[in-house]
């Protein structure tokens, strides 16, 4: 059985994982931009500005750590993105079957 921290990645698998992370990040950022535009259009008073600021700060913190592509942690990142709906398992096609199985199983655990 493959240990998550001992996972070996081929160059092709690294490219597949990086492409998947990039697609998911682009989707999430596009959704965030849409949300921010909606919230910004509804600003009516000074405190609404601080609410938007706090929202953006929290989202930035979340995004900064979410898209970690280091080999030791990428399975966790991919599983989280599948669970959140930013990726589909089919987009990981080309990864070793055991890696895809791990990602799928982790979506039910995290």
PDB file of N, CA and C in Angstrom:
ATOM      1  N   UNK A   1       0.842  -1.194   0.000  1.00  0.00           N
ATOM      2  CA  UNK A   1       0.000   0.000   0.000  1.00  0.00           C
ATOM      3  C   UNK A   1       0.881   1.250   0.000  1.00  0.00           C
ATOM      4  N   UNK A   2       0.520   2.213  -0.783  1.00  0.00           N
ATOM      5  CA  UNK A   2       1.277   3.439  -0.920  1.00  0.00           C
ATOM      6  C   UNK A   2       1.079   4.333   0.314  1.00  0.00           C
ATOM      7  N   UNK A   3       2.186   4.788   0.892  1.00  0.00           N
ATOM      8  CA  UNK A   3       2.123   5.759   1.973  1.00  0.00           C
ATOM      9  C   UNK A   3       2.004   7.145   1.339  1.00  0.00           C
ATOM     10  N   UNK A   4       1.193   7.969   1.911  1.00  0.00           N
ATOM     11  CA  UNK A   4       0.959   9.286   1.312  1.00  0.00           C
ATOM     12  C   UNK A   4       2.222  10.127   1.228  1.00  0.00           C
ATOM     13  N   UNK A   5       3.070  10.054   2.258  1.00  0.00           N
ATOM     14  CA  UNK A   5       4.262  10.892   2.264  1.00  0.00           C
ATOM     15  C   UNK A   5       5.400  10.300   1.448  1.00  0.00           C
ATOM     16  N   UNK A   6       5.314   9.026   1.063  1.00  0.00           N
ATOM     17  CA  UNK A   6       6.356   8.372   0.278  1.00  0.00           C
ATOM     18  C   UNK A   6       5.978   8.247  -1.190  1.00  0.00           C
ATOM     19  N   UNK A   7       4.987   8.943  -1.618  1.00  0.00           N
ATOM     20  CA  UNK A   7       4.482   8.823  -2.974  1.00  0.00           C
ATOM     21  C   UNK A   7       5.521   9.317  -3.977  1.00  0.00           C
ATOM     22  N   UNK A   8       5.784   8.503  -4.965  1.00  0.00           N
ATOM     23  CA  UNK A   8       6.700   8.873  -6.046  1.00  0.00           C
ATOM     24  C   UNK A   8       5.877   9.355  -7.240  1.00  0.00           C
ATOM     25  N   UNK A   9       6.331  10.396  -7.870  1.00  0.00           N
ATOM     26  CA  UNK A   9       5.618  10.991  -8.992  1.00  0.00           C
ATOM     27  C   UNK A   9       6.511  10.997 -10.220  1.00  0.00           C
ATOM     28  N   UNK A  10       5.977  10.532 -11.334  1.00  0.00           N
ATOM     29  CA  UNK A  10       6.702  10.640 -12.600  1.00  0.00           C
ATOM     30  C   UNK A  10       6.592  12.090 -13.078  1.00  0.00           C
ATOM     31  N   UNK A  11       7.421  12.437 -14.041  1.00  0.00           N
ATOM     32  CA  UNK A  11       7.359  13.794 -14.595  1.00  0.00           C
ATOM     33  C   UNK A  11       5.989  14.046 -15.219  1.00  0.00           C
ATOM     34  N   UNK A  12       5.456  13.042 -15.913  1.00  0.00           N
ATOM     35  CA  UNK A  12       4.123  13.190 -16.524  1.00  0.00           C
ATOM     36  C   UNK A  12       3.053  13.393 -15.458  1.00  0.00           C
ATOM     37  N   UNK A  13       3.142  12.648 -14.356  1.00  0.00           N
ATOM     38  CA  UNK A  13       2.161  12.796 -13.272  1.00  0.00           C
ATOM     39  C   UNK A  13       2.276  14.162 -12.612  1.00  0.00           C
ATOM     40  N   UNK A  14       3.493  14.657 -12.453  1.00  0.00           N
ATOM     41  CA  UNK A  14       3.673  15.989 -11.879  1.00  0.00           C
ATOM     42  C   UNK A  14       2.993  17.040 -12.757  1.00  0.00           C
ATOM     43  N   UNK A  15       3.116  16.890 -14.079  1.00  0.00           N
ATOM     44  CA  UNK A  15       2.467  17.832 -15.000  1.00  0.00           C
ATOM     45  C   UNK A  15       0.949  17.736 -14.904  1.00  0.00           C
ATOM     46  N   UNK A  16       0.433  16.514 -14.806  1.00  0.00           N
ATOM     47  CA  UNK A  16      -1.019  16.315 -14.685  1.00  0.00           C
ATOM     48  C   UNK A  16      -1.528  16.973 -13.408  1.00  0.00           C
ATOM     49  N   UNK A  17      -0.822  16.741 -12.304  1.00  0.00           N
ATOM     50  CA  UNK A  17      -1.229  17.321 -11.019  1.00  0.00           C
ATOM     51  C   UNK A  17      -1.156  18.845 -11.067  1.00  0.00           C
ATOM     52  N   UNK A  18      -0.079  19.379 -11.651  1.00  0.00           N
ATOM     53  CA  UNK A  18       0.074  20.831 -11.739  1.00  0.00           C
ATOM     54  C   UNK A  18      -1.020  21.447 -12.606  1.00  0.00           C
ATOM     55  N   UNK A  19      -1.343  20.790 -13.710  1.00  0.00           N
ATOM     56  CA  UNK A  19      -2.419  21.273 -14.582  1.00  0.00           C
ATOM     57  C   UNK A  19      -3.754  21.262 -13.848  1.00  0.00           C
ATOM     58  N   UNK A  20      -4.012  20.194 -13.107  1.00  0.00           N
ATOM     59  CA  UNK A  20      -5.262  20.097 -12.339  1.00  0.00           C
ATOM     60  C   UNK A  20      -5.332  21.195 -11.284  1.00  0.00           C
ATOM     61  N   UNK A  21      -4.222  21.427 -10.577  1.00  0.00           N
ATOM     62  CA  UNK A  21      -4.199  22.491  -9.572  1.00  0.00           C
ATOM     63  C   UNK A  21      -4.446  23.851 -10.223  1.00  0.00           C
ATOM     64  N   UNK A  22      -3.831  24.085 -11.358  1.00  0.00           N
ATOM     65  CA  UNK A  22      -4.010  25.367 -12.059  1.00  0.00           C
ATOM     66  C   UNK A  22      -5.453  25.570 -12.509  1.00  0.00           C
ATOM     67  N   UNK A  23      -6.068  24.523 -13.049  1.00  0.00           N
ATOM     68  CA  UNK A  23      -7.473  24.622 -13.472  1.00  0.00           C
ATOM     69  C   UNK A  23      -8.376  24.925 -12.283  1.00  0.00           C
ATOM     70  N   UNK A  24      -8.158  24.210 -11.194  1.00  0.00           N
ATOM     71  CA  UNK A  24      -8.990  24.412 -10.006  1.00  0.00           C
ATOM     72  C   UNK A  24      -8.812  25.822  -9.457  1.00  0.00           C
ATOM     73  N   UNK A  25      -7.566  26.288  -9.414  1.00  0.00           N
ATOM     74  CA  UNK A  25      -7.303  27.633  -8.895  1.00  0.00           C
ATOM     75  C   UNK A  25      -7.975  28.683  -9.772  1.00  0.00           C
ATOM     76  N   UNK A  26      -7.887  28.515 -11.080  1.00  0.00           N
ATOM     77  CA  UNK A  26      -8.538  29.461 -11.994  1.00  0.00           C
ATOM     78  C   UNK A  26     -10.048  29.472 -11.771  1.00  0.00           C
ATOM     79  N   UNK A  27     -10.646  28.301 -11.612  1.00  0.00           N
ATOM     80  CA  UNK A  27     -12.092  28.220 -11.362  1.00  0.00           C
ATOM     81  C   UNK A  27     -12.459  28.915 -10.057  1.00  0.00           C
ATOM     82  N   UNK A  28     -11.679  28.643  -9.025  1.00  0.00           N
ATOM     83  CA  UNK A  28     -11.996  29.228  -7.723  1.00  0.00           C
ATOM     84  C   UNK A  28     -11.811  30.740  -7.744  1.00  0.00           C
ATOM     85  N   UNK A  29     -10.767  31.215  -8.382  1.00  0.00           N
ATOM     86  CA  UNK A  29     -10.539  32.659  -8.462  1.00  0.00           C
ATOM     87  C   UNK A  29     -11.641  33.336  -9.273  1.00  0.00           C
ATOM     88  N   UNK A  30     -12.059  32.720 -10.364  1.00  0.00           N
ATOM     89  CA  UNK A  30     -13.165  33.290 -11.152  1.00  0.00           C
ATOM     90  C   UNK A  30     -14.442  33.382 -10.324  1.00  0.00           C
ATOM     91  N   UNK A  31     -14.716  32.351  -9.538  1.00  0.00           N
ATOM     92  CA  UNK A  31     -15.894  32.375  -8.667  1.00  0.00           C
ATOM     93  C   UNK A  31     -15.749  33.457  -7.600  1.00  0.00           C
ATOM     94  N   UNK A  32     -14.549  33.617  -7.074  1.00  0.00           N
ATOM     95  CA  UNK A  32     -14.298  34.639  -6.064  1.00  0.00           C
ATOM     96  C   UNK A  32     -14.494  36.035  -6.651  1.00  0.00           C
ATOM     97  N   UNK A  33     -13.987  36.263  -7.838  1.00  0.00           N
ATOM     98  CA  UNK A  33     -14.150  37.568  -8.491  1.00  0.00           C
ATOM     99  C   UNK A  33     -15.633  37.884  -8.684  1.00  0.00           C
ATOM    100  N   UNK A  34     -16.394  36.904  -9.103  1.00  0.00           N
ATOM    101  CA  UNK A  34     -17.840  37.098  -9.274  1.00  0.00           C
ATOM    102  C   UNK A  34     -18.491  37.467  -7.948  1.00  0.00           C
ATOM    103  N   UNK A  35     -18.131  36.753  -6.898  1.00  0.00           N
ATOM    104  CA  UNK A  35     -18.684  37.024  -5.566  1.00  0.00           C
ATOM    105  C   UNK A  35     -18.309  38.420  -5.089  1.00  0.00           C
ATOM    106  N   UNK A  36     -17.046  38.796  -5.284  1.00  0.00           N
ATOM    107  CA  UNK A  36     -16.580  40.114  -4.833  1.00  0.00           C
ATOM    108  C   UNK A  36     -17.289  41.225  -5.605  1.00  0.00           C
ATOM    109  N   UNK A  37     -17.473  41.034  -6.891  1.00  0.00           N
ATOM    110  CA  UNK A  37     -18.201  42.046  -7.677  1.00  0.00           C
ATOM    111  C   UNK A  37     -19.624  42.229  -7.146  1.00  0.00           C
ATOM    112  N   UNK A  38     -20.273  41.116  -6.831  1.00  0.00           N
ATOM    113  CA  UNK A  38     -21.633  41.195  -6.293  1.00  0.00           C
ATOM    114  C   UNK A  38     -21.638  41.903  -4.945  1.00  0.00           C
ATOM    115  N   UNK A  39     -20.693  41.522  -4.081  1.00  0.00           N
ATOM    116  CA  UNK A  39     -20.642  42.154  -2.761  1.00  0.00           C
ATOM    117  C   UNK A  39     -20.295  43.633  -2.875  1.00  0.00           C
ATOM    118  N   UNK A  40     -19.356  43.969  -3.744  1.00  0.00           N
ATOM    119  CA  UNK A  40     -18.945  45.367  -3.891  1.00  0.00           C
ATOM    120  C   UNK A  40     -20.090  46.227  -4.426  1.00  0.00           C
ATOM    121  N   UNK A  41     -20.892  45.664  -5.299  1.00  0.00           N
ATOM    122  CA  UNK A  41     -22.012  46.442  -5.842  1.00  0.00           C
ATOM    123  C   UNK A  41     -23.083  46.703  -4.789  1.00  0.00           C
ATOM    124  N   UNK A  42     -23.051  45.943  -3.712  1.00  0.00           N
ATOM    125  CA  UNK A  42     -24.034  46.121  -2.653  1.00  0.00           C
ATOM    126  C   UNK A  42     -23.552  46.978  -1.494  1.00  0.00           C
ATOM    127  N   UNK A  43     -22.342  47.525  -1.602  1.00  0.00           N
ATOM    128  CA  UNK A  43     -21.804  48.358  -0.523  1.00  0.00           C
ATOM    129  C   UNK A  43     -22.608  49.651  -0.433  1.00  0.00           C
ATOM    130  N   UNK A  44     -23.111  49.893   0.784  1.00  0.00           N
ATOM    131  CA  UNK A  44     -23.915  51.093   0.990  1.00  0.00           C
ATOM    132  C   UNK A  44     -23.412  51.938   2.144  1.00  0.00           C
ATOM    133  N   UNK A  45     -22.647  51.335   3.012  1.00  0.00           N
ATOM    134  CA  UNK A  45     -22.135  52.112   4.145  1.00  0.00           C
ATOM    135  C   UNK A  45     -20.708  51.685   4.455  1.00  0.00           C
ATOM    136  N   UNK A  46     -20.066  52.467   5.284  1.00  0.00           N
ATOM    137  CA  UNK A  46     -18.655  52.285   5.596  1.00  0.00           C
ATOM    138  C   UNK A  46     -18.348  50.885   6.118  1.00  0.00           C
ATOM    139  N   UNK A  47     -19.162  50.356   6.996  1.00  0.00           N
ATOM    140  CA  UNK A  47     -18.903  49.029   7.561  1.00  0.00           C
ATOM    141  C   UNK A  47     -18.949  47.924   6.510  1.00  0.00           C
ATOM    142  N   UNK A  48     -19.675  48.152   5.432  1.00  0.00           N
ATOM    143  CA  UNK A  48     -19.702  47.174   4.343  1.00  0.00           C
ATOM    144  C   UNK A  48     -18.315  47.012   3.714  1.00  0.00           C
ATOM    145  N   UNK A  49     -17.553  48.112   3.687  1.00  0.00           N
ATOM    146  CA  UNK A  49     -16.180  48.039   3.170  1.00  0.00           C
ATOM    147  C   UNK A  49     -15.327  47.113   4.018  1.00  0.00           C
ATOM    148  N   UNK A  50     -15.455  47.236   5.328  1.00  0.00           N
ATOM    149  CA  UNK A  50     -14.648  46.392   6.224  1.00  0.00           C
ATOM    150  C   UNK A  50     -15.087  44.934   6.154  1.00  0.00           C
ATOM    151  N   UNK A  51     -16.362  44.712   5.941  1.00  0.00           N
ATOM    152  CA  UNK A  51     -16.836  43.339   5.769  1.00  0.00           C
ATOM    153  C   UNK A  51     -16.188  42.725   4.526  1.00  0.00           C
ATOM    154  N   UNK A  52     -16.158  43.486   3.435  1.00  0.00           N
ATOM    155  CA  UNK A  52     -15.548  42.996   2.201  1.00  0.00           C
ATOM    156  C   UNK A  52     -14.047  42.771   2.402  1.00  0.00           C
ATOM    157  N   UNK A  53     -13.402  43.681   3.094  1.00  0.00           N
ATOM    158  CA  UNK A  53     -11.977  43.531   3.397  1.00  0.00           C
ATOM    159  C   UNK A  53     -11.722  42.254   4.188  1.00  0.00           C
ATOM    160  N   UNK A  54     -12.500  42.029   5.218  1.00  0.00           N
ATOM    161  CA  UNK A  54     -12.333  40.828   6.045  1.00  0.00           C
ATOM    162  C   UNK A  54     -12.591  39.558   5.241  1.00  0.00           C
ATOM    163  N   UNK A  55     -13.605  39.600   4.404  1.00  0.00           N
ATOM    164  CA  UNK A  55     -13.916  38.463   3.541  1.00  0.00           C
ATOM    165  C   UNK A  55     -12.731  38.150   2.625  1.00  0.00           C
ATOM    166  N   UNK A  56     -12.190  39.184   1.987  1.00  0.00           N
ATOM    167  CA  UNK A  56     -11.059  38.989   1.085  1.00  0.00           C
ATOM    168  C   UNK A  56      -9.819  38.502   1.826  1.00  0.00           C
ATOM    169  N   UNK A  57      -9.579  39.018   3.009  1.00  0.00           N
ATOM    170  CA  UNK A  57      -8.425  38.564   3.794  1.00  0.00           C
ATOM    171  C   UNK A  57      -8.536  37.087   4.136  1.00  0.00           C
ATOM    172  N   UNK A  58      -9.721  36.659   4.518  1.00  0.00           N
ATOM    173  CA  UNK A  58      -9.936  35.246   4.847  1.00  0.00           C
ATOM    174  C   UNK A  58      -9.769  34.367   3.611  1.00  0.00           C
ATOM    175  N   UNK A  59     -10.298  34.808   2.493  1.00  0.00           N
ATOM    176  CA  UNK A  59     -10.175  34.029   1.248  1.00  0.00           C
ATOM    177  C   UNK A  59      -8.720  33.963   0.787  1.00  0.00           C
ATOM    178  N   UNK A  60      -7.984  35.061   0.954  1.00  0.00           N
ATOM    179  CA  UNK A  60      -6.568  35.054   0.572  1.00  0.00           C
ATOM    180  C   UNK A  60      -5.790  34.056   1.415  1.00  0.00           C
ATOM    181  N   UNK A  61      -6.041  34.059   2.691  1.00  0.00           N
ATOM    182  CA  UNK A  61      -5.376  33.114   3.592  1.00  0.00           C
ATOM    183  C   UNK A  61      -5.683  31.680   3.165  1.00  0.00           C
ATOM    184  N   UNK A  62      -6.934  31.418   2.852  1.00  0.00           N
ATOM    185  CA  UNK A  62      -7.360  30.084   2.421  1.00  0.00           C
ATOM    186  C   UNK A  62      -6.681  29.687   1.109  1.00  0.00           C
ATOM    187  N   UNK A  63      -6.693  30.574   0.146  1.00  0.00           N
ATOM    188  CA  UNK A  63      -6.120  30.272  -1.168  1.00  0.00           C
ATOM    189  C   UNK A  63      -4.607  30.107  -1.126  1.00  0.00           C
ATOM    190  N   UNK A  64      -3.932  30.896  -0.304  1.00  0.00           N
ATOM    191  CA  UNK A  64      -2.473  30.832  -0.248  1.00  0.00           C
ATOM    192  C   UNK A  64      -1.965  29.446   0.144  1.00  0.00           C
ATOM    193  N   UNK A  65      -2.685  28.744   0.996  1.00  0.00           N
ATOM    194  CA  UNK A  65      -2.223  27.432   1.432  1.00  0.00           C
ATOM    195  C   UNK A  65      -2.835  26.263   0.699  1.00  0.00           C
ATOM    196  N   UNK A  66      -3.881  26.509  -0.034  1.00  0.00           N
ATOM    197  CA  UNK A  66      -4.658  25.417  -0.626  1.00  0.00           C
ATOM    198  C   UNK A  66      -3.993  24.756  -1.820  1.00  0.00           C
ATOM    199  N   UNK A  67      -3.246  25.475  -2.591  1.00  0.00           N
ATOM    200  CA  UNK A  67      -2.734  24.972  -3.864  1.00  0.00           C
ATOM    201  C   UNK A  67      -1.260  24.564  -3.777  1.00  0.00           C
ATOM    202  N   UNK A  68      -0.930  23.813  -2.747  1.00  0.00           N
ATOM    203  CA  UNK A  68       0.431  23.330  -2.511  1.00  0.00           C
ATOM    204  C   UNK A  68       0.732  22.183  -3.474  1.00  0.00           C
ATOM    205  N   UNK A  69       1.753  22.353  -4.289  1.00  0.00           N
ATOM    206  CA  UNK A  69       2.057  21.334  -5.299  1.00  0.00           C
ATOM    207  C   UNK A  69       3.277  20.485  -4.953  1.00  0.00           C
ATOM    208  N   UNK A  70       3.746  20.574  -3.710  1.00  0.00           N
ATOM    209  CA  UNK A  70       4.871  19.713  -3.329  1.00  0.00           C
ATOM    210  C   UNK A  70       4.423  18.256  -3.370  1.00  0.00           C
ATOM    211  N   UNK A  71       5.285  17.388  -3.857  1.00  0.00           N
ATOM    212  CA  UNK A  71       4.934  15.978  -4.025  1.00  0.00           C
ATOM    213  C   UNK A  71       4.399  15.340  -2.753  1.00  0.00           C
ATOM    214  N   UNK A  72       4.916  15.729  -1.606  1.00  0.00           N
ATOM    215  CA  UNK A  72       4.493  15.117  -0.343  1.00  0.00           C
ATOM    216  C   UNK A  72       3.073  15.507   0.052  1.00  0.00           C
ATOM    217  N   UNK A  73       2.571  16.617  -0.470  1.00  0.00           N
ATOM    218  CA  UNK A  73       1.258  17.104  -0.032  1.00  0.00           C
ATOM    219  C   UNK A  73       0.228  17.247  -1.149  1.00  0.00           C
ATOM    220  N   UNK A  74       0.635  17.025  -2.381  1.00  0.00           N
ATOM    221  CA  UNK A  74      -0.264  17.293  -3.505  1.00  0.00           C
ATOM    222  C   UNK A  74      -1.506  16.404  -3.481  1.00  0.00           C
ATOM    223  N   UNK A  75      -1.399  15.179  -2.982  1.00  0.00           N
ATOM    224  CA  UNK A  75      -2.588  14.311  -2.909  1.00  0.00           C
ATOM    225  C   UNK A  75      -3.629  14.932  -1.984  1.00  0.00           C
ATOM    226  N   UNK A  76      -3.184  15.517  -0.876  1.00  0.00           N
ATOM    227  CA  UNK A  76      -4.110  16.188   0.040  1.00  0.00           C
ATOM    228  C   UNK A  76      -4.772  17.378  -0.658  1.00  0.00           C
ATOM    229  N   UNK A  77      -3.971  18.161  -1.387  1.00  0.00           N
ATOM    230  CA  UNK A  77      -4.513  19.321  -2.098  1.00  0.00           C
ATOM    231  C   UNK A  77      -5.540  18.885  -3.141  1.00  0.00           C
ATOM    232  N   UNK A  78      -5.204  17.870  -3.915  1.00  0.00           N
ATOM    233  CA  UNK A  78      -6.129  17.391  -4.946  1.00  0.00           C
ATOM    234  C   UNK A  78      -7.422  16.871  -4.336  1.00  0.00           C
ATOM    235  N   UNK A  79      -7.307  16.117  -3.250  1.00  0.00           N
ATOM    236  CA  UNK A  79      -8.502  15.572  -2.590  1.00  0.00           C
ATOM    237  C   UNK A  79      -9.399  16.696  -2.079  1.00  0.00           C
ATOM    238  N   UNK A  80      -8.803  17.708  -1.480  1.00  0.00           N
ATOM    239  CA  UNK A  80      -9.588  18.835  -0.990  1.00  0.00           C
ATOM    240  C   UNK A  80     -10.316  19.554  -2.112  1.00  0.00           C
ATOM    241  N   UNK A  81      -9.652  19.707  -3.236  1.00  0.00           N
ATOM    242  CA  UNK A  81     -10.257  20.395  -4.375  1.00  0.00           C
ATOM    243  C   UNK A  81     -11.372  19.580  -5.005  1.00  0.00           C
ATOM    244  N   UNK A  82     -11.211  18.264  -5.033  1.00  0.00           N
ATOM    245  CA  UNK A  82     -12.295  17.405  -5.532  1.00  0.00           C
ATOM    246  C   UNK A  82     -13.484  17.503  -4.591  1.00  0.00           C
ATOM    247  N   UNK A  83     -13.211  17.439  -3.297  1.00  0.00           N
ATOM    248  CA  UNK A  83     -14.299  17.498  -2.315  1.00  0.00           C
ATOM    249  C   UNK A  83     -15.058  18.821  -2.407  1.00  0.00           C
ATOM    250  N   UNK A  84     -14.334  19.912  -2.621  1.00  0.00           N
ATOM    251  CA  UNK A  84     -14.967  21.233  -2.702  1.00  0.00           C
ATOM    252  C   UNK A  84     -15.627  21.485  -4.060  1.00  0.00           C
ATOM    253  N   UNK A  85     -15.395  20.604  -5.024  1.00  0.00           N
ATOM    254  CA  UNK A  85     -16.020  20.748  -6.329  1.00  0.00           C
ATOM    255  C   UNK A  85     -15.223  21.544  -7.353  1.00  0.00           C
ATOM    256  N   UNK A  86     -14.013  21.944  -7.033  1.00  0.00           N
ATOM    257  CA  UNK A  86     -13.196  22.698  -7.979  1.00  0.00           C
ATOM    258  C   UNK A  86     -12.532  21.785  -9.005  1.00  0.00           C
ATOM    259  N   UNK A  87     -12.442  20.497  -8.690  1.00  0.00           N
ATOM    260  CA  UNK A  87     -11.877  19.489  -9.594  1.00  0.00           C
ATOM    261  C   UNK A  87     -12.804  18.296  -9.653  1.00  0.00           C
ATOM    262  N   UNK A  88     -12.682  17.546 -10.721  1.00  0.00           N
ATOM    263  CA  UNK A  88     -13.377  16.262 -10.847  1.00  0.00           C
ATOM    264  C   UNK A  88     -12.311  15.177 -10.951  1.00  0.00           C
ATOM    265  N   UNK A  89     -12.608  14.003 -10.420  1.00  0.00           N
ATOM    266  CA  UNK A  89     -11.633  12.911 -10.471  1.00  0.00           C
ATOM    267  C   UNK A  89     -11.175  12.630 -11.896  1.00  0.00           C
ATOM    268  N   UNK A  90     -12.063  12.762 -12.857  1.00  0.00           N
ATOM    269  CA  UNK A  90     -11.710  12.517 -14.251  1.00  0.00           C
ATOM    270  C   UNK A  90     -10.600  13.415 -14.768  1.00  0.00           C
ATOM    271  N   UNK A  91     -10.430  14.576 -14.140  1.00  0.00           N
ATOM    272  CA  UNK A  91      -9.374  15.494 -14.558  1.00  0.00           C
ATOM    273  C   UNK A  91      -8.000  15.036 -14.091  1.00  0.00           C
ATOM    274  N   UNK A  92      -7.973  13.985 -13.298  1.00  0.00           N
ATOM    275  CA  UNK A  92      -6.706  13.433 -12.821  1.00  0.00           C
ATOM    276  C   UNK A  92      -6.278  12.227 -13.651  1.00  0.00           C
ATOM    277  N   UNK A  93      -6.998  11.986 -14.731  1.00  0.00           N
ATOM    278  CA  UNK A  93      -6.674  10.859 -15.604  1.00  0.00           C
ATOM    279  C   UNK A  93      -5.223  10.956 -16.055  1.00  0.00           C
ATOM    280  N   UNK A  94      -4.526   9.846 -15.972  1.00  0.00           N
ATOM    281  CA  UNK A  94      -3.105   9.809 -16.300  1.00  0.00           C
ATOM    282  C   UNK A  94      -2.255   9.604 -15.071  1.00  0.00           C
ATOM    283  N   UNK A  95      -2.833   9.893 -13.889  1.00  0.00           N
ATOM    284  CA  UNK A  95      -2.138   9.568 -12.647  1.00  0.00           C
ATOM    285  C   UNK A  95      -2.245   8.070 -12.417  1.00  0.00           C
ATOM    286  N   UNK A  96      -1.301   7.536 -11.685  1.00  0.00           N
ATOM    287  CA  UNK A  96      -1.336   6.133 -11.298  1.00  0.00           C
ATOM    288  C   UNK A  96      -2.679   5.824 -10.636  1.00  0.00           C
ATOM    289  N   UNK A  97      -3.235   4.664 -10.937  1.00  0.00           N
ATOM    290  CA  UNK A  97      -4.557   4.292 -10.409  1.00  0.00           C
ATOM    291  C   UNK A  97      -4.594   4.376  -8.881  1.00  0.00           C
ATOM    292  N   UNK A  98      -3.507   3.983  -8.242  1.00  0.00           N
ATOM    293  CA  UNK A  98      -3.466   4.013  -6.778  1.00  0.00           C
ATOM    294  C   UNK A  98      -3.544   5.449  -6.249  1.00  0.00           C
ATOM    295  N   UNK A  99      -2.943   6.383  -6.947  1.00  0.00           N
ATOM    296  CA  UNK A  99      -3.019   7.791  -6.530  1.00  0.00           C
ATOM    297  C   UNK A  99      -4.454   8.306  -6.647  1.00  0.00           C
ATOM    298  N   UNK A 100      -5.109   7.970  -7.752  1.00  0.00           N
ATOM    299  CA  UNK A 100      -6.501   8.396  -7.931  1.00  0.00           C
ATOM    300  C   UNK A 100      -7.384   7.769  -6.860  1.00  0.00           C
ATOM    301  N   UNK A 101      -7.124   6.519  -6.522  1.00  0.00           N
ATOM    302  CA  UNK A 101      -7.876   5.850  -5.457  1.00  0.00           C
ATOM    303  C   UNK A 101      -7.666   6.563  -4.131  1.00  0.00           C
ATOM    304  N   UNK A 102      -6.426   6.969  -3.856  1.00  0.00           N
ATOM    305  CA  UNK A 102      -6.133   7.698  -2.608  1.00  0.00           C
ATOM    306  C   UNK A 102      -6.880   9.031  -2.578  1.00  0.00           C
ATOM    307  N   UNK A 103      -6.842   9.752  -3.682  1.00  0.00           N
ATOM    308  CA  UNK A 103      -7.546  11.042  -3.749  1.00  0.00           C
ATOM    309  C   UNK A 103      -9.030  10.824  -3.499  1.00  0.00           C
ATOM    310  N   UNK A 104      -9.598   9.844  -4.163  1.00  0.00           N
ATOM    311  CA  UNK A 104     -11.024   9.551  -4.007  1.00  0.00           C
ATOM    312  C   UNK A 104     -11.365   9.190  -2.566  1.00  0.00           C
ATOM    313  N   UNK A 105     -10.555   8.341  -1.960  1.00  0.00           N
ATOM    314  CA  UNK A 105     -10.809   7.928  -0.574  1.00  0.00           C
ATOM    315  C   UNK A 105     -10.683   9.110   0.381  1.00  0.00           C
ATOM    316  N   UNK A 106      -9.704   9.964   0.138  1.00  0.00           N
ATOM    317  CA  UNK A 106      -9.492  11.108   1.031  1.00  0.00           C
ATOM    318  C   UNK A 106     -10.631  12.111   0.957  1.00  0.00           C
ATOM    319  N   UNK A 107     -11.320  12.184  -0.168  1.00  0.00           N
ATOM    320  CA  UNK A 107     -12.438  13.127  -0.262  1.00  0.00           C
ATOM    321  C   UNK A 107     -13.548  12.762   0.713  1.00  0.00           C
ATOM    322  N   UNK A 108     -13.588  11.520   1.102  1.00  0.00           N
ATOM    323  CA  UNK A 108     -14.608  11.087   2.066  1.00  0.00           C
ATOM    324  C   UNK A 108     -14.135  11.251   3.510  1.00  0.00           C
ATOM    325  N   UNK A 109     -12.842  11.480   3.698  1.00  0.00           N
ATOM    326  CA  UNK A 109     -12.288  11.573   5.052  1.00  0.00           C
ATOM    327  C   UNK A 109     -12.052  13.006   5.505  1.00  0.00           C
ATOM    328  N   UNK A 110     -11.761  13.893   4.564  1.00  0.00           N
ATOM    329  CA  UNK A 110     -11.401  15.261   4.969  1.00  0.00           C
ATOM    330  C   UNK A 110     -12.608  16.168   4.939  1.00  0.00           C
TER     331      UNK A 110
END
